[in-house]
């Protein structure tokens, strides 16, 4: 199963664009920070996640103010340039 649910802050939002199929699309940068336990040891995790939203959800995320905290759900796929991963957001769950 390829499903990611991430509590994050909306850090950056690119300009509204459209896919070749005519669907609205937004490139996002999400910031996450949390304390986790790994092998019984506490660890602080902070990261920036390159993300993409396509379709009907674009409008809701476009209206979110930068700095907003929310829970984003979706899946991981290879980035367009083939280097790294891209989080495709398919659901927005406001905190």
C-alpha atoms as a PDB file:
ATOM      1  CA  UNK A   1       0.000   0.000   0.000  1.00  0.00           C
ATOM      2  CA  UNK A   2       1.276   3.477  -0.900  1.00  0.00           C
ATOM      3  CA  UNK A   3      -0.421   5.936   1.462  1.00  0.00           C
ATOM      4  CA  UNK A   4       1.117   8.806   3.388  1.00  0.00           C
ATOM      5  CA  UNK A   5      -0.635  10.877   6.057  1.00  0.00           C
ATOM      6  CA  UNK A   6       1.443  13.826   7.229  1.00  0.00           C
ATOM      7  CA  UNK A   7       0.783  16.592   9.716  1.00  0.00           C
ATOM      8  CA  UNK A   8       2.548  19.589   8.203  1.00  0.00           C
ATOM      9  CA  UNK A   9       2.687  23.350   7.719  1.00  0.00           C
ATOM     10  CA  UNK A  10       2.138  24.869   4.284  1.00  0.00           C
ATOM     11  CA  UNK A  11       5.483  26.617   3.669  1.00  0.00           C
ATOM     12  CA  UNK A  12       5.385  27.489  -0.038  1.00  0.00           C
ATOM     13  CA  UNK A  13       2.834  27.364  -2.813  1.00  0.00           C
ATOM     14  CA  UNK A  14       3.696  27.713  -6.482  1.00  0.00           C
ATOM     15  CA  UNK A  15       1.646  29.523  -9.073  1.00  0.00           C
ATOM     16  CA  UNK A  16      -1.563  27.893 -10.202  1.00  0.00           C
ATOM     17  CA  UNK A  17      -0.909  25.979 -13.413  1.00  0.00           C
ATOM     18  CA  UNK A  18      -2.647  23.332 -15.509  1.00  0.00           C
ATOM     19  CA  UNK A  19      -1.581  19.839 -16.529  1.00  0.00           C
ATOM     20  CA  UNK A  20      -1.502  18.874 -20.228  1.00  0.00           C
ATOM     21  CA  UNK A  21      -4.915  17.297 -19.583  1.00  0.00           C
ATOM     22  CA  UNK A  22      -6.235  20.693 -18.432  1.00  0.00           C
ATOM     23  CA  UNK A  23      -6.465  19.901 -14.706  1.00  0.00           C
ATOM     24  CA  UNK A  24      -5.458  22.592 -12.192  1.00  0.00           C
ATOM     25  CA  UNK A  25      -2.192  21.856 -10.353  1.00  0.00           C
ATOM     26  CA  UNK A  26      -0.180  23.392  -7.514  1.00  0.00           C
ATOM     27  CA  UNK A  27       3.366  22.632  -6.407  1.00  0.00           C
ATOM     28  CA  UNK A  28       3.751  22.842  -2.622  1.00  0.00           C
ATOM     29  CA  UNK A  29       6.435  22.710  -0.002  1.00  0.00           C
ATOM     30  CA  UNK A  30       5.264  21.212   3.279  1.00  0.00           C
ATOM     31  CA  UNK A  31       7.257  21.389   6.532  1.00  0.00           C
ATOM     32  CA  UNK A  32       6.974  18.689   9.177  1.00  0.00           C
ATOM     33  CA  UNK A  33       8.564  18.456  12.625  1.00  0.00           C
ATOM     34  CA  UNK A  34       7.906  15.859  15.313  1.00  0.00           C
ATOM     35  CA  UNK A  35       9.443  13.821  18.086  1.00  0.00           C
ATOM     36  CA  UNK A  36       9.526  10.088  17.422  1.00  0.00           C
ATOM     37  CA  UNK A  37      11.000   7.007  19.020  1.00  0.00           C
ATOM     38  CA  UNK A  38      13.445   4.849  17.093  1.00  0.00           C
ATOM     39  CA  UNK A  39      14.632   1.635  18.732  1.00  0.00           C
ATOM     40  CA  UNK A  40      13.546   3.043  22.085  1.00  0.00           C
ATOM     41  CA  UNK A  41      15.511   6.270  21.644  1.00  0.00           C
ATOM     42  CA  UNK A  42      13.895   9.705  21.199  1.00  0.00           C
ATOM     43  CA  UNK A  43      14.589  11.478  17.941  1.00  0.00           C
ATOM     44  CA  UNK A  44      13.581  14.860  16.529  1.00  0.00           C
ATOM     45  CA  UNK A  45      12.530  14.726  12.872  1.00  0.00           C
ATOM     46  CA  UNK A  46      12.273  17.889  10.765  1.00  0.00           C
ATOM     47  CA  UNK A  47      11.852  17.884   7.007  1.00  0.00           C
ATOM     48  CA  UNK A  48      10.632  19.742   3.942  1.00  0.00           C
ATOM     49  CA  UNK A  49       8.477  17.659   1.619  1.00  0.00           C
ATOM     50  CA  UNK A  50       8.010  18.567  -2.042  1.00  0.00           C
ATOM     51  CA  UNK A  51       4.355  18.032  -2.824  1.00  0.00           C
ATOM     52  CA  UNK A  52       1.834  18.307  -5.637  1.00  0.00           C
ATOM     53  CA  UNK A  53      -1.933  18.627  -5.689  1.00  0.00           C
ATOM     54  CA  UNK A  54      -3.966  18.134  -8.866  1.00  0.00           C
ATOM     55  CA  UNK A  55      -7.675  18.501  -9.557  1.00  0.00           C
ATOM     56  CA  UNK A  56     -10.561  19.513  -7.309  1.00  0.00           C
ATOM     57  CA  UNK A  57      -8.464  19.813  -4.145  1.00  0.00           C
ATOM     58  CA  UNK A  58      -6.384  22.626  -5.693  1.00  0.00           C
ATOM     59  CA  UNK A  59      -9.003  25.245  -4.834  1.00  0.00           C
ATOM     60  CA  UNK A  60      -9.105  24.340  -1.119  1.00  0.00           C
ATOM     61  CA  UNK A  61      -5.316  24.303  -0.791  1.00  0.00           C
ATOM     62  CA  UNK A  62      -4.957  27.489  -2.846  1.00  0.00           C
ATOM     63  CA  UNK A  63      -7.153  29.250  -0.246  1.00  0.00           C
ATOM     64  CA  UNK A  64      -5.062  28.022   2.710  1.00  0.00           C
ATOM     65  CA  UNK A  65      -2.890  30.789   4.135  1.00  0.00           C
ATOM     66  CA  UNK A  66       0.846  30.115   4.086  1.00  0.00           C
ATOM     67  CA  UNK A  67       1.882  28.835   7.502  1.00  0.00           C
ATOM     68  CA  UNK A  68      -1.367  26.898   7.968  1.00  0.00           C
ATOM     69  CA  UNK A  69      -1.130  23.593   9.830  1.00  0.00           C
ATOM     70  CA  UNK A  70      -3.134  20.690   8.448  1.00  0.00           C
ATOM     71  CA  UNK A  71      -3.055  16.962   7.866  1.00  0.00           C
ATOM     72  CA  UNK A  72      -2.311  16.087   4.257  1.00  0.00           C
ATOM     73  CA  UNK A  73      -2.941  12.594   2.865  1.00  0.00           C
ATOM     74  CA  UNK A  74      -1.955  11.044  -0.440  1.00  0.00           C
ATOM     75  CA  UNK A  75       0.722   8.869  -2.018  1.00  0.00           C
ATOM     76  CA  UNK A  76       4.403   8.967  -2.977  1.00  0.00           C
ATOM     77  CA  UNK A  77       5.612   8.775  -6.572  1.00  0.00           C
ATOM     78  CA  UNK A  78       8.881   9.508  -8.380  1.00  0.00           C
ATOM     79  CA  UNK A  79       9.529  13.202  -8.991  1.00  0.00           C
ATOM     80  CA  UNK A  80       9.181  14.429 -12.570  1.00  0.00           C
ATOM     81  CA  UNK A  81      12.933  14.628 -13.029  1.00  0.00           C
ATOM     82  CA  UNK A  82      13.316  11.070 -11.748  1.00  0.00           C
ATOM     83  CA  UNK A  83      15.312  12.206  -8.711  1.00  0.00           C
ATOM     84  CA  UNK A  84      13.687  11.737  -5.344  1.00  0.00           C
ATOM     85  CA  UNK A  85      10.058  11.383  -4.368  1.00  0.00           C
ATOM     86  CA  UNK A  86       7.054  13.661  -4.678  1.00  0.00           C
ATOM     87  CA  UNK A  87       4.121  13.608  -2.248  1.00  0.00           C
ATOM     88  CA  UNK A  88       0.889  13.698  -4.284  1.00  0.00           C
ATOM     89  CA  UNK A  89      -1.730  15.199  -1.955  1.00  0.00           C
ATOM     90  CA  UNK A  90      -5.212  13.770  -2.506  1.00  0.00           C
ATOM     91  CA  UNK A  91      -6.913  14.744   0.753  1.00  0.00           C
ATOM     92  CA  UNK A  92      -6.810  17.692   3.149  1.00  0.00           C
ATOM     93  CA  UNK A  93      -7.780  17.209   6.772  1.00  0.00           C
ATOM     94  CA  UNK A  94      -7.750  20.512   8.701  1.00  0.00           C
ATOM     95  CA  UNK A  95      -6.565  20.255  12.322  1.00  0.00           C
END
